[in-house]
Amino acid sequence: MRGKAVIKEGLKSLGALLVIFSIFEALLRVVYPIRNSTVDYVPLPYMSAGDYEPSPPWLDHRRLIKSAPDDP
């Protein structure tokens, strides 16, 4: 009898956790489209050698146009 009670309580806990995660998922699905409709541009800066850059440093080999070096 005790084993069935433990399983029953475990299933109740699992069900409650599933309900909580479902509510959280629904809230995220409502909030993110609202947030995305108010934002035009989200910069994603990458840190490289102490400077922030608009693109990740691992894409350097894919760039077609490279900036001129700072030193003449």
Protein backbone atom coordinates (compact mmCIF):
# COMPACT_ATOMS: atom_id res chain seq x y z
CA MET A 1 0.00 0.00 0.00
CA ARG A 2 2.80 2.43 0.85
CA GLY A 3 4.40 2.06 -2.57
CA LYS A 4 1.19 3.04 -4.33
CA ALA A 5 0.86 6.15 -2.15
CA VAL A 6 4.41 7.21 -3.01
CA ILE A 7 3.75 6.71 -6.73
CA LYS A 8 0.48 8.62 -6.47
CA GLU A 9 2.17 11.57 -4.72
CA GLY A 10 4.98 11.48 -7.28
CA LEU A 11 2.51 11.63 -10.13
CA LYS A 12 0.70 14.55 -8.47
CA SER A 13 3.99 16.41 -8.14
CA LEU A 14 4.90 15.66 -11.74
CA GLY A 15 1.47 16.86 -12.90
CA ALA A 16 1.82 20.09 -10.92
CA LEU A 17 5.27 20.67 -12.40
CA LEU A 18 3.89 20.05 -15.89
CA VAL A 19 1.11 22.59 -15.30
CA ILE A 20 3.60 25.20 -14.02
CA PHE A 21 5.90 24.72 -17.02
CA SER A 22 2.94 24.89 -19.40
CA ILE A 23 1.81 28.19 -17.89
CA PHE A 24 5.36 29.55 -18.13
CA GLU A 25 5.59 28.44 -21.78
CA ALA A 26 2.27 30.12 -22.60
CA LEU A 27 3.41 33.35 -20.95
CA LEU A 28 6.63 33.33 -22.96
CA ARG A 29 4.72 32.75 -26.19
CA VAL A 30 2.60 35.82 -25.42
CA VAL A 31 5.36 38.10 -24.12
CA TYR A 32 8.03 37.56 -26.80
CA PRO A 33 5.91 38.60 -29.82
CA ILE A 34 4.86 41.73 -27.92
CA ARG A 35 8.49 42.53 -27.12
CA ASN A 36 9.64 41.77 -30.67
CA SER A 37 7.00 44.09 -32.14
CA THR A 38 8.39 47.03 -30.16
CA VAL A 39 12.08 46.45 -30.99
CA ASP A 40 13.56 47.35 -34.37
CA TYR A 41 17.18 46.34 -33.82
CA VAL A 42 18.91 44.22 -31.18
CA PRO A 43 22.68 44.61 -31.29
CA LEU A 44 24.67 41.52 -30.47
CA PRO A 45 28.13 42.80 -29.60
CA TYR A 46 31.02 40.38 -29.43
CA MET A 47 34.10 41.06 -27.38
CA SER A 48 37.35 40.67 -29.27
CA ALA A 49 40.70 41.98 -28.01
CA GLY A 50 39.00 44.43 -25.67
CA ASP A 51 36.83 45.98 -28.41
CA TYR A 52 33.17 45.38 -29.10
CA GLU A 53 32.38 44.32 -32.65
CA PRO A 54 29.02 43.87 -34.40
CA SER A 55 29.92 40.40 -35.65
CA PRO A 56 31.57 37.43 -33.98
CA PRO A 57 35.34 37.22 -34.35
CA TRP A 58 35.17 33.65 -35.70
CA LEU A 59 33.55 35.00 -38.90
CA ASP A 60 36.67 37.02 -39.85
CA HIS A 61 37.75 34.49 -42.47
CA ARG A 62 34.36 34.82 -44.22
CA ARG A 63 34.46 38.59 -44.72
CA LEU A 64 34.74 39.74 -48.31
CA ILE A 65 35.64 43.34 -47.51
CA LYS A 66 38.25 43.95 -44.85
CA SER A 67 38.84 47.28 -43.17
CA ALA A 68 42.14 49.04 -43.64
CA PRO A 69 44.70 48.62 -40.88
CA ASP A 70 44.97 51.46 -38.36
CA ASP A 71 48.73 51.89 -38.82
CA PRO A 72 49.83 53.64 -42.06
